[in-house]
Amino acid sequence: MPPQANDESPRRERRRQPLGGVPAGRSTAASLVQDELRRAILAMEITPGAALVEKDLTARFGTSRTPVREALIRLKEEGLVEIFPQAGTFVARIPTEAIPEAVFIRQALECATVALVAQTGTEQAIARLDATIARQHEALEAGNQEGFHLADEAFHETLAVIAGYPGIWKIAHAAKSQIDRCRRMTLPVPGRMAMVIREHLSIVDAVRRHDGPAAEVAMRKHLGTLLPDLLHLQVENPGYFV
């Protein structure tokens, strides 16, 4: 059964720049709409089950319906949107069964990555990791959840770059879209952001000591913390999961 259409709007509606003036073709406009909708969905600004009305989206992005439709079809292929003929288009609910697999994929990729970084990481490389954690501290003190999330992403991406395999982060990033929505729901929990910083510090400490096994353990623990939270998130937000 399709979710009930509702008038729920994004939690934090912000003024968008029209896309109609983009000098490229329709596919470029569709990509821009796709990227912005993906960002808003993963940030939980547009919540699972919310209706996506083409008319509203064309007004929001200042474009015609064709790029909007193309963007929605692409997001459907990513598993972030559901399209029901005669019923409407909705943000897909989070598939509970997909979360453990996504966590497993991240652990397999990033534990191997951090072990390599522990072997080869230079002082300059470690300083780059320290800088991303410093950005997280700043975001925590400012209560800036978006900034904190971006710095968190930068930390993990930097590890892949330092390892010499930036493509690893691209694969991990593609696999974790459903995880991201759950992670965004945990950030407001008191002490959560501070806990993430402590976990990152533990990872970097192992890298600094060139202790690959310890770095792997710290990373595995860090990436696995979401799983115990999953049941609690489902209980608090049953309409967001399927």
C-alpha atoms as a PDB file:
ATOM      1  CA  MET A   1       0.000   0.000   0.000  1.00  0.00           C
ATOM      2  CA  PRO A   2       1.373   3.477  -0.807  1.00  0.00           C
ATOM      3  CA  PRO A   3       1.879   5.875   2.097  1.00  0.00           C
ATOM      4  CA  GLN A   4      -0.836   8.377   2.679  1.00  0.00           C
ATOM      5  CA  ALA A   5      -0.212  11.660   0.934  1.00  0.00           C
ATOM      6  CA  ASN A   6       0.287  14.507   3.326  1.00  0.00           C
ATOM      7  CA  ASP A   7       1.047  18.149   3.265  1.00  0.00           C
ATOM      8  CA  GLU A   8       4.251  17.763   5.242  1.00  0.00           C
ATOM      9  CA  SER A   9       6.822  20.223   4.023  1.00  0.00           C
ATOM     10  CA  PRO A  10      10.582  20.126   4.676  1.00  0.00           C
ATOM     11  CA  ARG A  11      11.420  20.781   8.323  1.00  0.00           C
ATOM     12  CA  ARG A  12      13.645  23.700   7.518  1.00  0.00           C
ATOM     13  CA  GLU A  13      12.437  25.321   4.369  1.00  0.00           C
ATOM     14  CA  ARG A  14      15.030  27.607   2.866  1.00  0.00           C
ATOM     15  CA  ARG A  15      14.843  29.870  -0.140  1.00  0.00           C
ATOM     16  CA  ARG A  16      16.280  28.171  -3.218  1.00  0.00           C
ATOM     17  CA  GLN A  17      17.836  29.772  -6.230  1.00  0.00           C
ATOM     18  CA  PRO A  18      15.812  29.041  -9.379  1.00  0.00           C
ATOM     19  CA  LEU A  19      17.404  26.539 -11.698  1.00  0.00           C
ATOM     20  CA  GLY A  20      15.681  27.827 -14.812  1.00  0.00           C
ATOM     21  CA  GLY A  21      18.604  30.103 -15.662  1.00  0.00           C
ATOM     22  CA  VAL A  22      21.124  27.259 -15.854  1.00  0.00           C
ATOM     23  CA  PRO A  23      22.747  27.552 -19.309  1.00  0.00           C
ATOM     24  CA  ALA A  24      23.101  23.781 -19.795  1.00  0.00           C
ATOM     25  CA  GLY A  25      20.445  21.375 -21.020  1.00  0.00           C
ATOM     26  CA  ARG A  26      17.566  19.601 -19.390  1.00  0.00           C
ATOM     27  CA  SER A  27      19.729  16.764 -18.051  1.00  0.00           C
ATOM     28  CA  THR A  28      21.825  19.289 -16.111  1.00  0.00           C
ATOM     29  CA  ALA A  29      18.706  20.788 -14.541  1.00  0.00           C
ATOM     30  CA  ALA A  30      17.510  17.291 -13.660  1.00  0.00           C
ATOM     31  CA  SER A  31      20.865  16.516 -12.026  1.00  0.00           C
ATOM     32  CA  LEU A  32      20.720  19.690  -9.955  1.00  0.00           C
ATOM     33  CA  VAL A  33      17.186  18.893  -8.796  1.00  0.00           C
ATOM     34  CA  GLN A  34      18.250  15.316  -8.065  1.00  0.00           C
ATOM     35  CA  ASP A  35      21.276  16.418  -6.021  1.00  0.00           C
ATOM     36  CA  GLU A  36      19.318  18.928  -3.963  1.00  0.00           C
ATOM     37  CA  LEU A  37      16.428  16.566  -3.285  1.00  0.00           C
ATOM     38  CA  ARG A  38      18.866  13.808  -2.336  1.00  0.00           C
ATOM     39  CA  ARG A  39      20.614  16.152   0.078  1.00  0.00           C
ATOM     40  CA  ALA A  40      17.312  17.228   1.646  1.00  0.00           C
ATOM     41  CA  ILE A  41      16.096  13.624   1.965  1.00  0.00           C
ATOM     42  CA  LEU A  42      19.330  12.353   3.525  1.00  0.00           C
ATOM     43  CA  ALA A  43      19.410  15.339   5.882  1.00  0.00           C
ATOM     44  CA  MET A  44      15.847  14.456   6.968  1.00  0.00           C
ATOM     45  CA  GLU A  45      14.663  17.902   5.903  1.00  0.00           C
ATOM     46  CA  ILE A  46      12.119  16.008   3.824  1.00  0.00           C
ATOM     47  CA  THR A  47      11.052  13.079   5.957  1.00  0.00           C
ATOM     48  CA  PRO A  48      10.251   9.473   4.972  1.00  0.00           C
ATOM     49  CA  GLY A  49       6.704   9.153   3.656  1.00  0.00           C
ATOM     50  CA  ALA A  50       6.380  12.821   2.725  1.00  0.00           C
ATOM     51  CA  ALA A  51       4.615  13.530  -0.565  1.00  0.00           C
ATOM     52  CA  LEU A  52       6.674  14.966  -3.422  1.00  0.00           C
ATOM     53  CA  VAL A  53       4.304  16.977  -5.586  1.00  0.00           C
ATOM     54  CA  GLU A  54       5.639  17.859  -9.039  1.00  0.00           C
ATOM     55  CA  LYS A  55       3.853  21.218  -9.110  1.00  0.00           C
ATOM     56  CA  ASP A  56       5.396  22.236  -5.796  1.00  0.00           C
ATOM     57  CA  LEU A  57       8.846  21.060  -6.852  1.00  0.00           C
ATOM     58  CA  THR A  58       8.774  22.973 -10.129  1.00  0.00           C
ATOM     59  CA  ALA A  59       7.908  26.118  -8.176  1.00  0.00           C
ATOM     60  CA  ARG A  60      10.615  25.424  -5.612  1.00  0.00           C
ATOM     61  CA  PHE A  61      13.352  24.901  -8.203  1.00  0.00           C
ATOM     62  CA  GLY A  62      12.114  27.278 -10.873  1.00  0.00           C
ATOM     63  CA  THR A  63      12.193  24.673 -13.623  1.00  0.00           C
ATOM     64  CA  SER A  64       9.764  22.766 -15.826  1.00  0.00           C
ATOM     65  CA  ARG A  65       8.181  19.452 -14.897  1.00  0.00           C
ATOM     66  CA  THR A  66      10.386  17.339 -17.178  1.00  0.00           C
ATOM     67  CA  PRO A  67      13.657  17.791 -15.208  1.00  0.00           C
ATOM     68  CA  VAL A  68      11.720  17.237 -11.976  1.00  0.00           C
ATOM     69  CA  ARG A  69      10.280  13.978 -13.298  1.00  0.00           C
ATOM     70  CA  GLU A  70      13.703  12.825 -14.462  1.00  0.00           C
ATOM     71  CA  ALA A  71      15.180  13.629 -11.040  1.00  0.00           C
ATOM     72  CA  LEU A  72      12.427  11.691  -9.250  1.00  0.00           C
ATOM     73  CA  ILE A  73      12.955   8.658 -11.472  1.00  0.00           C
ATOM     74  CA  ARG A  74      16.688   8.707 -10.699  1.00  0.00           C
ATOM     75  CA  LEU A  75      16.002   8.988  -6.977  1.00  0.00           C
ATOM     76  CA  LYS A  76      13.622   6.046  -7.270  1.00  0.00           C
ATOM     77  CA  GLU A  77      16.492   4.032  -8.741  1.00  0.00           C
ATOM     78  CA  GLU A  78      18.573   5.026  -5.689  1.00  0.00           C
ATOM     79  CA  GLY A  79      15.853   3.734  -3.365  1.00  0.00           C
ATOM     80  CA  LEU A  80      15.099   7.174  -1.934  1.00  0.00           C
ATOM     81  CA  VAL A  81      11.770   7.799  -3.696  1.00  0.00           C
ATOM     82  CA  GLU A  82       8.705   5.656  -4.381  1.00  0.00           C
ATOM     83  CA  ILE A  83       6.400   6.350  -7.320  1.00  0.00           C
ATOM     84  CA  PHE A  84       2.875   4.938  -7.226  1.00  0.00           C
ATOM     85  CA  PRO A  85       0.809   5.427 -10.405  1.00  0.00           C
ATOM     86  CA  GLN A  86      -2.483   7.168  -9.672  1.00  0.00           C
ATOM     87  CA  ALA A  87      -1.432   7.653  -6.033  1.00  0.00           C
ATOM     88  CA  GLY A  88       1.583   9.952  -6.085  1.00  0.00           C
ATOM     89  CA  THR A  89       5.292  10.173  -5.393  1.00  0.00           C
ATOM     90  CA  PHE A  90       6.690   9.877  -1.879  1.00  0.00           C
ATOM     91  CA  VAL A  91       9.996   9.859  -0.057  1.00  0.00           C
ATOM     92  CA  ALA A  92      10.794   6.189   0.500  1.00  0.00           C
ATOM     93  CA  ARG A  93      10.663   4.910   4.041  1.00  0.00           C
ATOM     94  CA  ILE A  94      13.898   3.525   5.484  1.00  0.00           C
ATOM     95  CA  PRO A  95      14.221  -0.226   4.815  1.00  0.00           C
ATOM     96  CA  THR A  96      15.197  -1.647   8.193  1.00  0.00           C
ATOM     97  CA  GLU A  97      16.630  -4.857   6.769  1.00  0.00           C
ATOM     98  CA  ALA A  98      19.073  -2.893   4.586  1.00  0.00           C
ATOM     99  CA  ILE A  99      20.814  -1.144   7.489  1.00  0.00           C
ATOM    100  CA  PRO A 100      22.922  -4.058   8.840  1.00  0.00           C
ATOM    101  CA  GLU A 101      24.184  -4.864   5.332  1.00  0.00           C
ATOM    102  CA  ALA A 102      25.120  -1.223   4.708  1.00  0.00           C
ATOM    103  CA  VAL A 103      26.983  -1.108   8.034  1.00  0.00           C
ATOM    104  CA  PHE A 104      28.795  -4.338   7.120  1.00  0.00           C
ATOM    105  CA  ILE A 105      29.875  -2.888   3.759  1.00  0.00           C
ATOM    106  CA  ARG A 106      31.216   0.261   5.429  1.00  0.00           C
ATOM    107  CA  GLN A 107      33.077  -1.737   8.041  1.00  0.00           C
ATOM    108  CA  ALA A 108      34.670  -4.011   5.430  1.00  0.00           C
ATOM    109  CA  LEU A 109      35.840  -1.087   3.321  1.00  0.00           C
ATOM    110  CA  GLU A 110      36.834   1.410   5.996  1.00  0.00           C
ATOM    111  CA  CYS A 111      38.496  -1.000   8.405  1.00  0.00           C
ATOM    112  CA  ALA A 112      40.806  -2.094   5.612  1.00  0.00           C
ATOM    113  CA  THR A 113      41.397   1.542   4.720  1.00  0.00           C
ATOM    114  CA  VAL A 114      42.318   2.683   8.219  1.00  0.00           C
ATOM    115  CA  ALA A 115      44.660  -0.288   8.688  1.00  0.00           C
ATOM    116  CA  LEU A 116      46.539   0.827   5.582  1.00  0.00           C
ATOM    117  CA  VAL A 117      46.643   4.428   6.790  1.00  0.00           C
ATOM    118  CA  ALA A 118      48.090   3.252  10.109  1.00  0.00           C
ATOM    119  CA  GLN A 119      50.934   1.617   8.197  1.00  0.00           C
ATOM    120  CA  THR A 120      51.706   4.448   5.797  1.00  0.00           C
ATOM    121  CA  GLY A 121      50.286   7.626   7.350  1.00  0.00           C
ATOM    122  CA  THR A 122      52.700  10.534   7.687  1.00  0.00           C
ATOM    123  CA  GLU A 123      52.587  13.366  10.228  1.00  0.00           C
ATOM    124  CA  GLN A 124      51.101  15.599   7.542  1.00  0.00           C
ATOM    125  CA  ALA A 125      48.388  13.051   6.827  1.00  0.00           C
ATOM    126  CA  ILE A 126      47.526  12.727  10.500  1.00  0.00           C
ATOM    127  CA  ALA A 127      47.375  16.521  10.764  1.00  0.00           C
ATOM    128  CA  ARG A 128      44.678  16.484   8.090  1.00  0.00           C
ATOM    129  CA  LEU A 129      42.630  14.081  10.189  1.00  0.00           C
ATOM    130  CA  ASP A 130      43.170  16.249  13.259  1.00  0.00           C
ATOM    131  CA  ALA A 131      41.868  19.225  11.279  1.00  0.00           C
ATOM    132  CA  THR A 132      38.581  17.494  10.461  1.00  0.00           C
ATOM    133  CA  ILE A 133      38.101  16.627  14.133  1.00  0.00           C
ATOM    134  CA  ALA A 134      38.800  20.255  15.046  1.00  0.00           C
ATOM    135  CA  ARG A 135      36.006  21.251  12.656  1.00  0.00           C
ATOM    136  CA  GLN A 136      33.704  18.820  14.456  1.00  0.00           C
ATOM    137  CA  HIS A 137      34.606  20.408  17.793  1.00  0.00           C
ATOM    138  CA  GLU A 138      33.706  23.831  16.383  1.00  0.00           C
ATOM    139  CA  ALA A 139      30.402  22.543  15.026  1.00  0.00           C
ATOM    140  CA  LEU A 140      29.583  20.880  18.343  1.00  0.00           C
ATOM    141  CA  GLU A 141      30.226  24.079  20.278  1.00  0.00           C
ATOM    142  CA  ALA A 142      28.098  26.046  17.802  1.00  0.00           C
ATOM    143  CA  GLY A 143      25.292  23.482  17.871  1.00  0.00           C
ATOM    144  CA  ASN A 144      25.707  23.164  14.104  1.00  0.00           C
ATOM    145  CA  GLN A 145      24.508  19.668  13.184  1.00  0.00           C
ATOM    146  CA  GLU A 146      24.923  20.206   9.444  1.00  0.00           C
ATOM    147  CA  GLY A 147      28.492  21.414   9.884  1.00  0.00           C
ATOM    148  CA  PHE A 148      29.197  18.486  12.179  1.00  0.00           C
ATOM    149  CA  HIS A 149      27.873  16.012   9.616  1.00  0.00           C
ATOM    150  CA  LEU A 150      29.977  17.556   6.836  1.00  0.00           C
ATOM    151  CA  ALA A 151      33.115  17.385   8.993  1.00  0.00           C
ATOM    152  CA  ASP A 152      32.294  13.770   9.826  1.00  0.00           C
ATOM    153  CA  GLU A 153      32.061  12.977   6.124  1.00  0.00           C
ATOM    154  CA  ALA A 154      35.362  14.778   5.539  1.00  0.00           C
ATOM    155  CA  PHE A 155      37.057  12.641   8.200  1.00  0.00           C
ATOM    156  CA  HIS A 156      36.133   9.387   6.492  1.00  0.00           C
ATOM    157  CA  GLU A 157      36.840  10.696   3.014  1.00  0.00           C
ATOM    158  CA  THR A 158      40.258  11.951   4.128  1.00  0.00           C
ATOM    159  CA  LEU A 159      41.160   8.474   5.357  1.00  0.00           C
ATOM    160  CA  ALA A 160      40.439   7.049   1.893  1.00  0.00           C
ATOM    161  CA  VAL A 161      42.476   9.784   0.213  1.00  0.00           C
ATOM    162  CA  ILE A 162      45.422   9.280   2.570  1.00  0.00           C
ATOM    163  CA  ALA A 163      45.307   5.536   1.902  1.00  0.00           C
ATOM    164  CA  GLY A 164      45.675   6.297  -1.781  1.00  0.00           C
ATOM    165  CA  TYR A 165      42.299   4.813  -2.697  1.00  0.00           C
ATOM    166  CA  PRO A 166      39.775   7.667  -2.891  1.00  0.00           C
ATOM    167  CA  GLY A 167      37.424   5.397  -4.811  1.00  0.00           C
ATOM    168  CA  ILE A 168      36.823   3.437  -1.612  1.00  0.00           C
ATOM    169  CA  TRP A 169      34.982   6.411  -0.152  1.00  0.00           C
ATOM    170  CA  LYS A 170      32.853   6.708  -3.291  1.00  0.00           C
ATOM    171  CA  ILE A 171      31.757   3.096  -2.921  1.00  0.00           C
ATOM    172  CA  ALA A 172      31.126   3.462   0.815  1.00  0.00           C
ATOM    173  CA  HIS A 173      29.255   6.711   0.235  1.00  0.00           C
ATOM    174  CA  ALA A 174      26.962   5.072  -2.309  1.00  0.00           C
ATOM    175  CA  ALA A 175      26.225   2.204   0.070  1.00  0.00           C
ATOM    176  CA  LYS A 176      25.321   4.312   3.083  1.00  0.00           C
ATOM    177  CA  SER A 177      22.404   6.482   1.972  1.00  0.00           C
ATOM    178  CA  GLN A 178      19.929   4.717   4.266  1.00  0.00           C
ATOM    179  CA  ILE A 179      22.456   4.825   7.122  1.00  0.00           C
ATOM    180  CA  ASP A 180      22.753   8.585   6.719  1.00  0.00           C
ATOM    181  CA  ARG A 181      19.074   9.153   7.437  1.00  0.00           C
ATOM    182  CA  CYS A 182      19.363   7.139  10.652  1.00  0.00           C
ATOM    183  CA  ARG A 183      22.551   8.956  11.637  1.00  0.00           C
ATOM    184  CA  ARG A 184      20.848  12.314  11.180  1.00  0.00           C
ATOM    185  CA  MET A 185      18.160  11.239  13.643  1.00  0.00           C
ATOM    186  CA  THR A 186      20.772  10.381  16.269  1.00  0.00           C
ATOM    187  CA  LEU A 187      22.740  13.648  16.107  1.00  0.00           C
ATOM    188  CA  PRO A 188      20.287  15.651  18.277  1.00  0.00           C
ATOM    189  CA  VAL A 189      20.584  13.068  21.077  1.00  0.00           C
ATOM    190  CA  PRO A 190      22.460  14.720  23.978  1.00  0.00           C
ATOM    191  CA  GLY A 191      26.092  13.614  24.016  1.00  0.00           C
ATOM    192  CA  ARG A 192      25.948  11.939  20.605  1.00  0.00           C
ATOM    193  CA  MET A 193      28.193  14.360  18.743  1.00  0.00           C
ATOM    194  CA  ALA A 194      30.719  14.338  21.590  1.00  0.00           C
ATOM    195  CA  MET A 195      30.736  10.535  21.452  1.00  0.00           C
ATOM    196  CA  VAL A 196      31.473  10.593  17.711  1.00  0.00           C
ATOM    197  CA  ILE A 197      34.418  12.920  18.326  1.00  0.00           C
ATOM    198  CA  ARG A 198      35.800  10.580  20.987  1.00  0.00           C
ATOM    199  CA  GLU A 199      35.532   7.670  18.566  1.00  0.00           C
ATOM    200  CA  HIS A 200      37.338   9.628  15.861  1.00  0.00           C
ATOM    201  CA  LEU A 201      40.072  10.564  18.325  1.00  0.00           C
ATOM    202  CA  SER A 202      40.485   6.882  19.208  1.00  0.00           C
ATOM    203  CA  ILE A 203      40.897   6.022  15.528  1.00  0.00           C
ATOM    204  CA  VAL A 204      43.481   8.746  14.980  1.00  0.00           C
ATOM    205  CA  ASP A 205      45.353   7.790  18.141  1.00  0.00           C
ATOM    206  CA  ALA A 206      45.790   4.254  16.780  1.00  0.00           C
ATOM    207  CA  VAL A 207      46.887   5.627  13.402  1.00  0.00           C
ATOM    208  CA  ARG A 208      49.390   7.929  15.113  1.00  0.00           C
ATOM    209  CA  ARG A 209      50.856   4.904  16.900  1.00  0.00           C
ATOM    210  CA  HIS A 210      50.938   2.989  13.595  1.00  0.00           C
ATOM    211  CA  ASP A 211      48.832   0.298  15.245  1.00  0.00           C
ATOM    212  CA  GLY A 212      46.807  -1.168  12.382  1.00  0.00           C
ATOM    213  CA  PRO A 213      44.845  -3.771  14.386  1.00  0.00           C
ATOM    214  CA  ALA A 214      43.845  -1.174  16.994  1.00  0.00           C
ATOM    215  CA  ALA A 215      42.799   1.240  14.248  1.00  0.00           C
ATOM    216  CA  GLU A 216      40.601  -1.469  12.707  1.00  0.00           C
ATOM    217  CA  VAL A 217      38.980  -2.242  16.050  1.00  0.00           C
ATOM    218  CA  ALA A 218      38.300   1.433  16.718  1.00  0.00           C
ATOM    219  CA  MET A 219      36.799   1.913  13.254  1.00  0.00           C
ATOM    220  CA  ARG A 220      34.625  -1.203  13.491  1.00  0.00           C
ATOM    221  CA  LYS A 221      33.268  -0.059  16.855  1.00  0.00           C
ATOM    222  CA  HIS A 222      32.658   3.447  15.514  1.00  0.00           C
ATOM    223  CA  LEU A 223      30.716   2.296  12.466  1.00  0.00           C
ATOM    224  CA  GLY A 224      28.756  -0.289  14.445  1.00  0.00           C
ATOM    225  CA  THR A 225      27.284   2.110  17.010  1.00  0.00           C
ATOM    226  CA  LEU A 226      24.247   2.760  14.805  1.00  0.00           C
ATOM    227  CA  LEU A 227      22.919  -0.801  15.027  1.00  0.00           C
ATOM    228  CA  PRO A 228      21.992  -0.705  18.741  1.00  0.00           C
ATOM    229  CA  ASP A 229      20.197   2.600  18.066  1.00  0.00           C
ATOM    230  CA  LEU A 230      18.087   1.192  15.252  1.00  0.00           C
ATOM    231  CA  LEU A 231      15.364  -0.382  17.399  1.00  0.00           C
ATOM    232  CA  HIS A 232      15.023   2.813  19.450  1.00  0.00           C
ATOM    233  CA  LEU A 233      14.714   4.893  16.288  1.00  0.00           C
ATOM    234  CA  GLN A 234      11.995   2.588  14.994  1.00  0.00           C
ATOM    235  CA  VAL A 235      10.033   2.845  18.220  1.00  0.00           C
ATOM    236  CA  GLU A 236      10.255   6.640  18.266  1.00  0.00           C
ATOM    237  CA  ASN A 237       9.558   7.091  14.538  1.00  0.00           C
ATOM    238  CA  PRO A 238       7.557   4.079  13.345  1.00  0.00           C
ATOM    239  CA  GLY A 239       6.264   5.918  10.289  1.00  0.00           C
ATOM    240  CA  TYR A 240       9.788   6.425   8.969  1.00  0.00           C
ATOM    241  CA  PHE A 241      10.648   2.734   8.629  1.00  0.00           C
ATOM    242  CA  VAL A 242       9.434  -0.248   6.674  1.00  0.00           C
END
